[in-house]
């Protein structure tokens, strides 16, 4: 008894899936964020921003010099509050 090939010859059943993947890779777009000049100006002149920048600079200096100490009790309380007190 002779058995012939069944179904279409030379057809790749995964070709459609591969074509979809290739199409999505080609059409990938990047997200853009644009901040208006008014928002930038408000951010630069805000007294809160100036105080925050000073605090960040002080923390950077402490970390670089090795004098920064983490308060483990405050960290543990924050983690607990985040997960258990909604």
PDB file of N, CA and C in Angstrom:
ATOM      1  N   UNK A   1       0.838  -1.160   0.000  1.00  0.00           N
ATOM      2  CA  UNK A   1       0.000   0.000   0.000  1.00  0.00           C
ATOM      3  C   UNK A   1       0.896   1.241   0.000  1.00  0.00           C
ATOM      4  N   UNK A   2       0.581   2.203  -0.842  1.00  0.00           N
ATOM      5  CA  UNK A   2       1.368   3.422  -0.968  1.00  0.00           C
ATOM      6  C   UNK A   2       0.634   4.557  -0.243  1.00  0.00           C
ATOM      7  N   UNK A   3       1.387   5.292   0.593  1.00  0.00           N
ATOM      8  CA  UNK A   3       0.797   6.413   1.323  1.00  0.00           C
ATOM      9  C   UNK A   3       1.368   7.697   0.742  1.00  0.00           C
ATOM     10  N   UNK A   4       0.498   8.543   0.249  1.00  0.00           N
ATOM     11  CA  UNK A   4       0.902   9.834  -0.303  1.00  0.00           C
ATOM     12  C   UNK A   4       0.865  10.890   0.795  1.00  0.00           C
ATOM     13  N   UNK A   5       1.531  12.006   0.522  1.00  0.00           N
ATOM     14  CA  UNK A   5       1.512  13.089   1.486  1.00  0.00           C
ATOM     15  C   UNK A   5       0.087  13.612   1.637  1.00  0.00           C
ATOM     16  N   UNK A   6      -0.241  13.912   2.858  1.00  0.00           N
ATOM     17  CA  UNK A   6      -1.589  14.397   3.152  1.00  0.00           C
ATOM     18  C   UNK A   6      -1.527  15.908   3.376  1.00  0.00           C
ATOM     19  N   UNK A   7      -2.444  16.624   2.804  1.00  0.00           N
ATOM     20  CA  UNK A   7      -2.504  18.069   2.992  1.00  0.00           C
ATOM     21  C   UNK A   7      -1.644  18.790   1.979  1.00  0.00           C
ATOM     22  N   UNK A   8      -1.624  20.122   2.048  1.00  0.00           N
ATOM     23  CA  UNK A   8      -0.850  20.901   1.088  1.00  0.00           C
ATOM     24  C   UNK A   8       0.655  20.654   1.259  1.00  0.00           C
ATOM     25  N   UNK A   9       1.329  20.559   0.163  1.00  0.00           N
ATOM     26  CA  UNK A   9       2.759  20.283   0.164  1.00  0.00           C
ATOM     27  C   UNK A   9       3.527  21.604   0.308  1.00  0.00           C
ATOM     28  N   UNK A  10       4.524  21.595   1.154  1.00  0.00           N
ATOM     29  CA  UNK A  10       5.381  22.753   1.298  1.00  0.00           C
ATOM     30  C   UNK A  10       4.760  23.901   2.082  1.00  0.00           C
ATOM     31  N   UNK A  11       3.732  23.659   2.832  1.00  0.00           N
ATOM     32  CA  UNK A  11       3.079  24.728   3.592  1.00  0.00           C
ATOM     33  C   UNK A  11       3.586  24.709   5.028  1.00  0.00           C
ATOM     34  N   UNK A  12       3.977  25.868   5.507  1.00  0.00           N
ATOM     35  CA  UNK A  12       4.443  25.993   6.882  1.00  0.00           C
ATOM     36  C   UNK A  12       3.267  26.475   7.739  1.00  0.00           C
ATOM     37  N   UNK A  13       2.778  25.653   8.668  1.00  0.00           N
ATOM     38  CA  UNK A  13       1.608  26.054   9.454  1.00  0.00           C
ATOM     39  C   UNK A  13       1.878  27.240  10.383  1.00  0.00           C
ATOM     40  N   UNK A  14       3.135  27.550  10.650  1.00  0.00           N
ATOM     41  CA  UNK A  14       3.479  28.650  11.545  1.00  0.00           C
ATOM     42  C   UNK A  14       3.805  29.943  10.799  1.00  0.00           C
ATOM     43  N   UNK A  15       3.670  29.922   9.473  1.00  0.00           N
ATOM     44  CA  UNK A  15       4.050  31.078   8.670  1.00  0.00           C
ATOM     45  C   UNK A  15       3.194  32.304   8.997  1.00  0.00           C
ATOM     46  N   UNK A  16       1.896  32.103   9.197  1.00  0.00           N
ATOM     47  CA  UNK A  16       1.027  33.232   9.535  1.00  0.00           C
ATOM     48  C   UNK A  16       1.469  33.876  10.846  1.00  0.00           C
ATOM     49  N   UNK A  17       1.790  33.048  11.826  1.00  0.00           N
ATOM     50  CA  UNK A  17       2.217  33.567  13.117  1.00  0.00           C
ATOM     51  C   UNK A  17       3.536  34.327  12.975  1.00  0.00           C
ATOM     52  N   UNK A  18       4.453  33.791  12.197  1.00  0.00           N
ATOM     53  CA  UNK A  18       5.736  34.463  12.002  1.00  0.00           C
ATOM     54  C   UNK A  18       5.543  35.799  11.286  1.00  0.00           C
ATOM     55  N   UNK A  19       4.612  35.865  10.338  1.00  0.00           N
ATOM     56  CA  UNK A  19       4.344  37.112   9.629  1.00  0.00           C
ATOM     57  C   UNK A  19       3.752  38.162  10.579  1.00  0.00           C
ATOM     58  N   UNK A  20       2.875  37.732  11.499  1.00  0.00           N
ATOM     59  CA  UNK A  20       2.292  38.665  12.465  1.00  0.00           C
ATOM     60  C   UNK A  20       3.375  39.234  13.377  1.00  0.00           C
ATOM     61  N   UNK A  21       4.279  38.384  13.835  1.00  0.00           N
ATOM     62  CA  UNK A  21       5.362  38.834  14.713  1.00  0.00           C
ATOM     63  C   UNK A  21       6.258  39.819  13.973  1.00  0.00           C
ATOM     64  N   UNK A  22       6.587  39.520  12.732  1.00  0.00           N
ATOM     65  CA  UNK A  22       7.439  40.410  11.946  1.00  0.00           C
ATOM     66  C   UNK A  22       6.755  41.752  11.720  1.00  0.00           C
ATOM     67  N   UNK A  23       5.444  41.744  11.491  1.00  0.00           N
ATOM     68  CA  UNK A  23       4.709  42.992  11.270  1.00  0.00           C
ATOM     69  C   UNK A  23       4.683  43.848  12.527  1.00  0.00           C
ATOM     70  N   UNK A  24       4.521  43.235  13.689  1.00  0.00           N
ATOM     71  CA  UNK A  24       4.487  44.020  14.920  1.00  0.00           C
ATOM     72  C   UNK A  24       5.871  44.577  15.245  1.00  0.00           C
ATOM     73  N   UNK A  25       6.922  43.853  14.904  1.00  0.00           N
ATOM     74  CA  UNK A  25       8.265  44.348  15.165  1.00  0.00           C
ATOM     75  C   UNK A  25       8.571  45.566  14.293  1.00  0.00           C
ATOM     76  N   UNK A  26       8.067  45.566  13.071  1.00  0.00           N
ATOM     77  CA  UNK A  26       8.315  46.683  12.174  1.00  0.00           C
ATOM     78  C   UNK A  26       7.535  47.921  12.596  1.00  0.00           C
ATOM     79  N   UNK A  27       6.345  47.726  13.121  1.00  0.00           N
ATOM     80  CA  UNK A  27       5.482  48.865  13.436  1.00  0.00           C
ATOM     81  C   UNK A  27       5.591  49.320  14.884  1.00  0.00           C
ATOM     82  N   UNK A  28       6.640  48.919  15.581  1.00  0.00           N
ATOM     83  CA  UNK A  28       6.814  49.319  16.966  1.00  0.00           C
ATOM     84  C   UNK A  28       7.133  50.806  17.025  1.00  0.00           C
ATOM     85  N   UNK A  29       6.360  51.537  17.830  1.00  0.00           N
ATOM     86  CA  UNK A  29       6.565  52.968  17.977  1.00  0.00           C
ATOM     87  C   UNK A  29       7.001  53.259  19.402  1.00  0.00           C
ATOM     88  N   UNK A  30       7.715  54.340  19.550  1.00  0.00           N
ATOM     89  CA  UNK A  30       8.139  54.731  20.884  1.00  0.00           C
ATOM     90  C   UNK A  30       7.201  55.808  21.414  1.00  0.00           C
ATOM     91  N   UNK A  31       7.040  55.844  22.709  1.00  0.00           N
ATOM     92  CA  UNK A  31       6.206  56.852  23.349  1.00  0.00           C
ATOM     93  C   UNK A  31       6.996  58.143  23.504  1.00  0.00           C
ATOM     94  N   UNK A  32       6.280  59.250  23.446  1.00  0.00           N
ATOM     95  CA  UNK A  32       6.912  60.549  23.616  1.00  0.00           C
ATOM     96  C   UNK A  32       6.161  61.325  24.683  1.00  0.00           C
ATOM     97  N   UNK A  33       6.909  62.060  25.459  1.00  0.00           N
ATOM     98  CA  UNK A  33       6.331  62.947  26.462  1.00  0.00           C
ATOM     99  C   UNK A  33       6.862  64.342  26.200  1.00  0.00           C
ATOM    100  N   UNK A  34       5.955  65.295  26.115  1.00  0.00           N
ATOM    101  CA  UNK A  34       6.362  66.675  25.900  1.00  0.00           C
ATOM    102  C   UNK A  34       5.832  67.518  27.051  1.00  0.00           C
ATOM    103  N   UNK A  35       6.731  68.260  27.675  1.00  0.00           N
ATOM    104  CA  UNK A  35       6.360  69.126  28.781  1.00  0.00           C
ATOM    105  C   UNK A  35       6.385  70.563  28.274  1.00  0.00           C
ATOM    106  N   UNK A  36       5.323  71.280  28.520  1.00  0.00           N
ATOM    107  CA  UNK A  36       5.225  72.645  28.015  1.00  0.00           C
ATOM    108  C   UNK A  36       6.248  73.547  28.706  1.00  0.00           C
ATOM    109  N   UNK A  37       6.549  74.647  28.039  1.00  0.00           N
ATOM    110  CA  UNK A  37       7.522  75.581  28.614  1.00  0.00           C
ATOM    111  C   UNK A  37       6.979  76.214  29.890  1.00  0.00           C
ATOM    112  N   UNK A  38       5.662  76.416  29.967  1.00  0.00           N
ATOM    113  CA  UNK A  38       5.064  76.970  31.178  1.00  0.00           C
ATOM    114  C   UNK A  38       5.245  76.014  32.357  1.00  0.00           C
ATOM    115  N   UNK A  39       5.061  74.730  32.105  1.00  0.00           N
ATOM    116  CA  UNK A  39       5.238  73.739  33.175  1.00  0.00           C
ATOM    117  C   UNK A  39       6.692  73.679  33.620  1.00  0.00           C
ATOM    118  N   UNK A  40       7.607  73.774  32.677  1.00  0.00           N
ATOM    119  CA  UNK A  40       9.030  73.772  33.024  1.00  0.00           C
ATOM    120  C   UNK A  40       9.380  74.988  33.876  1.00  0.00           C
ATOM    121  N   UNK A  41       8.821  76.133  33.512  1.00  0.00           N
ATOM    122  CA  UNK A  41       9.102  77.356  34.258  1.00  0.00           C
ATOM    123  C   UNK A  41       8.542  77.259  35.673  1.00  0.00           C
ATOM    124  N   UNK A  42       7.334  76.730  35.811  1.00  0.00           N
ATOM    125  CA  UNK A  42       6.745  76.560  37.140  1.00  0.00           C
ATOM    126  C   UNK A  42       7.578  75.617  37.994  1.00  0.00           C
ATOM    127  N   UNK A  43       8.084  74.570  37.380  1.00  0.00           N
ATOM    128  CA  UNK A  43       8.877  73.599  38.121  1.00  0.00           C
ATOM    129  C   UNK A  43      10.192  74.211  38.598  1.00  0.00           C
ATOM    130  N   UNK A  44      10.793  75.040  37.781  1.00  0.00           N
ATOM    131  CA  UNK A  44      12.078  75.631  38.143  1.00  0.00           C
ATOM    132  C   UNK A  44      11.945  76.693  39.224  1.00  0.00           C
ATOM    133  N   UNK A  45      10.854  77.443  39.238  1.00  0.00           N
ATOM    134  CA  UNK A  45      10.715  78.557  40.163  1.00  0.00           C
ATOM    135  C   UNK A  45       9.977  78.196  41.443  1.00  0.00           C
ATOM    136  N   UNK A  46       9.493  77.002  41.551  1.00  0.00           N
ATOM    137  CA  UNK A  46       8.742  76.595  42.732  1.00  0.00           C
ATOM    138  C   UNK A  46       9.665  76.513  43.945  1.00  0.00           C
ATOM    139  N   UNK A  47       9.251  77.085  45.097  1.00  0.00           N
ATOM    140  CA  UNK A  47      10.099  76.999  46.295  1.00  0.00           C
ATOM    141  C   UNK A  47      10.233  75.566  46.805  1.00  0.00           C
ATOM    142  N   UNK A  48       9.243  74.760  46.537  1.00  0.00           N
ATOM    143  CA  UNK A  48       9.308  73.349  46.945  1.00  0.00           C
ATOM    144  C   UNK A  48      10.413  72.647  46.161  1.00  0.00           C
ATOM    145  N   UNK A  49      10.519  72.962  44.878  1.00  0.00           N
ATOM    146  CA  UNK A  49      11.541  72.342  44.037  1.00  0.00           C
ATOM    147  C   UNK A  49      12.935  72.716  44.512  1.00  0.00           C
ATOM    148  N   UNK A  50      13.131  73.963  44.881  1.00  0.00           N
ATOM    149  CA  UNK A  50      14.445  74.412  45.350  1.00  0.00           C
ATOM    150  C   UNK A  50      14.816  73.679  46.637  1.00  0.00           C
ATOM    151  N   UNK A  51      13.865  73.580  47.562  1.00  0.00           N
ATOM    152  CA  UNK A  51      14.131  72.878  48.818  1.00  0.00           C
ATOM    153  C   UNK A  51      14.407  71.404  48.560  1.00  0.00           C
ATOM    154  N   UNK A  52      13.664  70.819  47.631  1.00  0.00           N
ATOM    155  CA  UNK A  52      13.862  69.397  47.317  1.00  0.00           C
ATOM    156  C   UNK A  52      15.240  69.170  46.700  1.00  0.00           C
ATOM    157  N   UNK A  53      15.659  70.069  45.820  1.00  0.00           N
ATOM    158  CA  UNK A  53      16.981  69.937  45.202  1.00  0.00           C
ATOM    159  C   UNK A  53      18.083  70.018  46.253  1.00  0.00           C
ATOM    160  N   UNK A  54      17.918  70.906  47.223  1.00  0.00           N
ATOM    161  CA  UNK A  54      18.911  71.015  48.280  1.00  0.00           C
ATOM    162  C   UNK A  54      18.956  69.737  49.116  1.00  0.00           C
ATOM    163  N   UNK A  55      17.785  69.171  49.386  1.00  0.00           N
ATOM    164  CA  UNK A  55      17.727  67.936  50.169  1.00  0.00           C
ATOM    165  C   UNK A  55      18.387  66.782  49.399  1.00  0.00           C
ATOM    166  N   UNK A  56      18.109  66.707  48.102  1.00  0.00           N
ATOM    167  CA  UNK A  56      18.697  65.645  47.272  1.00  0.00           C
ATOM    168  C   UNK A  56      20.212  65.791  47.215  1.00  0.00           C
ATOM    169  N   UNK A  57      20.698  67.010  47.064  1.00  0.00           N
ATOM    170  CA  UNK A  57      22.147  67.235  47.029  1.00  0.00           C
ATOM    171  C   UNK A  57      22.800  66.831  48.348  1.00  0.00           C
ATOM    172  N   UNK A  58      22.139  67.162  49.465  1.00  0.00           N
ATOM    173  CA  UNK A  58      22.685  66.784  50.774  1.00  0.00           C
ATOM    174  C   UNK A  58      22.728  65.264  50.916  1.00  0.00           C
ATOM    175  N   UNK A  59      21.675  64.587  50.459  1.00  0.00           N
ATOM    176  CA  UNK A  59      21.655  63.123  50.526  1.00  0.00           C
ATOM    177  C   UNK A  59      22.733  62.517  49.627  1.00  0.00           C
ATOM    178  N   UNK A  60      22.929  63.092  48.449  1.00  0.00           N
ATOM    179  CA  UNK A  60      23.979  62.594  47.546  1.00  0.00           C
ATOM    180  C   UNK A  60      25.349  62.679  48.207  1.00  0.00           C
ATOM    181  N   UNK A  61      25.600  63.813  48.851  1.00  0.00           N
ATOM    182  CA  UNK A  61      26.894  63.993  49.511  1.00  0.00           C
ATOM    183  C   UNK A  61      27.077  62.995  50.650  1.00  0.00           C
ATOM    184  N   UNK A  62      26.006  62.745  51.412  1.00  0.00           N
ATOM    185  CA  UNK A  62      26.092  61.766  52.506  1.00  0.00           C
ATOM    186  C   UNK A  62      26.365  60.368  51.969  1.00  0.00           C
ATOM    187  N   UNK A  63      25.688  59.991  50.871  1.00  0.00           N
ATOM    188  CA  UNK A  63      25.892  58.657  50.301  1.00  0.00           C
ATOM    189  C   UNK A  63      27.307  58.520  49.765  1.00  0.00           C
ATOM    190  N   UNK A  64      27.783  59.537  49.076  1.00  0.00           N
ATOM    191  CA  UNK A  64      29.131  59.471  48.503  1.00  0.00           C
ATOM    192  C   UNK A  64      30.213  59.436  49.574  1.00  0.00           C
ATOM    193  N   UNK A  65      29.991  60.123  50.676  1.00  0.00           N
ATOM    194  CA  UNK A  65      30.995  60.139  51.739  1.00  0.00           C
ATOM    195  C   UNK A  65      30.863  58.941  52.677  1.00  0.00           C
ATOM    196  N   UNK A  66      29.736  58.216  52.573  1.00  0.00           N
ATOM    197  CA  UNK A  66      29.552  57.033  53.407  1.00  0.00           C
ATOM    198  C   UNK A  66      28.966  57.328  54.773  1.00  0.00           C
ATOM    199  N   UNK A  67      28.439  58.518  54.970  1.00  0.00           N
ATOM    200  CA  UNK A  67      27.878  58.877  56.273  1.00  0.00           C
ATOM    201  C   UNK A  67      26.357  58.734  56.327  1.00  0.00           C
ATOM    202  N   UNK A  68      25.727  58.325  55.221  1.00  0.00           N
ATOM    203  CA  UNK A  68      24.267  58.183  55.199  1.00  0.00           C
ATOM    204  C   UNK A  68      23.859  56.933  55.966  1.00  0.00           C
ATOM    205  N   UNK A  69      22.927  57.089  56.882  1.00  0.00           N
ATOM    206  CA  UNK A  69      22.438  55.966  57.693  1.00  0.00           C
ATOM    207  C   UNK A  69      20.949  55.778  57.431  1.00  0.00           C
ATOM    208  N   UNK A  70      20.554  54.545  57.213  1.00  0.00           N
ATOM    209  CA  UNK A  70      19.153  54.213  56.963  1.00  0.00           C
ATOM    210  C   UNK A  70      18.484  53.911  58.295  1.00  0.00           C
ATOM    211  N   UNK A  71      17.326  54.528  58.528  1.00  0.00           N
ATOM    212  CA  UNK A  71      16.553  54.241  59.731  1.00  0.00           C
ATOM    213  C   UNK A  71      15.671  53.029  59.427  1.00  0.00           C
ATOM    214  N   UNK A  72      16.079  51.866  59.920  1.00  0.00           N
ATOM    215  CA  UNK A  72      15.392  50.621  59.573  1.00  0.00           C
ATOM    216  C   UNK A  72      13.967  50.582  60.127  1.00  0.00           C
ATOM    217  N   UNK A  73      13.719  51.237  61.232  1.00  0.00           N
ATOM    218  CA  UNK A  73      12.371  51.243  61.798  1.00  0.00           C
ATOM    219  C   UNK A  73      11.403  52.011  60.901  1.00  0.00           C
ATOM    220  N   UNK A  74      11.843  53.143  60.359  1.00  0.00           N
ATOM    221  CA  UNK A  74      10.996  53.906  59.444  1.00  0.00           C
ATOM    222  C   UNK A  74      10.726  53.130  58.158  1.00  0.00           C
ATOM    223  N   UNK A  75      11.737  52.437  57.647  1.00  0.00           N
ATOM    224  CA  UNK A  75      11.564  51.637  56.436  1.00  0.00           C
ATOM    225  C   UNK A  75      10.572  50.502  56.689  1.00  0.00           C
ATOM    226  N   UNK A  76      10.725  49.813  57.804  1.00  0.00           N
ATOM    227  CA  UNK A  76       9.821  48.709  58.128  1.00  0.00           C
ATOM    228  C   UNK A  76       8.395  49.214  58.310  1.00  0.00           C
ATOM    229  N   UNK A  77       8.227  50.357  58.961  1.00  0.00           N
ATOM    230  CA  UNK A  77       6.892  50.920  59.156  1.00  0.00           C
ATOM    231  C   UNK A  77       6.259  51.289  57.820  1.00  0.00           C
ATOM    232  N   UNK A  78       7.045  51.869  56.916  1.00  0.00           N
ATOM    233  CA  UNK A  78       6.526  52.235  55.597  1.00  0.00           C
ATOM    234  C   UNK A  78       6.098  51.009  54.810  1.00  0.00           C
ATOM    235  N   UNK A  79       6.903  49.962  54.846  1.00  0.00           N
ATOM    236  CA  UNK A  79       6.556  48.726  54.131  1.00  0.00           C
ATOM    237  C   UNK A  79       5.292  48.120  54.720  1.00  0.00           C
ATOM    238  N   UNK A  80       5.195  48.089  56.035  1.00  0.00           N
ATOM    239  CA  UNK A  80       4.010  47.541  56.697  1.00  0.00           C
ATOM    240  C   UNK A  80       2.767  48.351  56.328  1.00  0.00           C
ATOM    241  N   UNK A  81       2.879  49.670  56.418  1.00  0.00           N
ATOM    242  CA  UNK A  81       1.732  50.526  56.077  1.00  0.00           C
ATOM    243  C   UNK A  81       1.311  50.352  54.625  1.00  0.00           C
ATOM    244  N   UNK A  82       2.265  50.199  53.747  1.00  0.00           N
ATOM    245  CA  UNK A  82       1.956  50.043  52.331  1.00  0.00           C
ATOM    246  C   UNK A  82       1.158  48.770  52.070  1.00  0.00           C
ATOM    247  N   UNK A  83       1.539  47.668  52.681  1.00  0.00           N
ATOM    248  CA  UNK A  83       0.908  46.384  52.398  1.00  0.00           C
ATOM    249  C   UNK A  83      -0.329  46.088  53.253  1.00  0.00           C
ATOM    250  N   UNK A  84      -0.389  46.617  54.473  1.00  0.00           N
ATOM    251  CA  UNK A  84      -1.463  46.206  55.362  1.00  0.00           C
ATOM    252  C   UNK A  84      -2.440  47.309  55.734  1.00  0.00           C
ATOM    253  N   UNK A  85      -2.097  48.543  55.584  1.00  0.00           N
ATOM    254  CA  UNK A  85      -3.009  49.633  55.903  1.00  0.00           C
ATOM    255  C   UNK A  85      -3.355  50.378  54.629  1.00  0.00           C
ATOM    256  N   UNK A  86      -4.493  50.046  54.080  1.00  0.00           N
ATOM    257  CA  UNK A  86      -4.879  50.659  52.798  1.00  0.00           C
ATOM    258  C   UNK A  86      -5.742  51.827  53.018  1.00  0.00           C
TER     259      UNK A  86
END
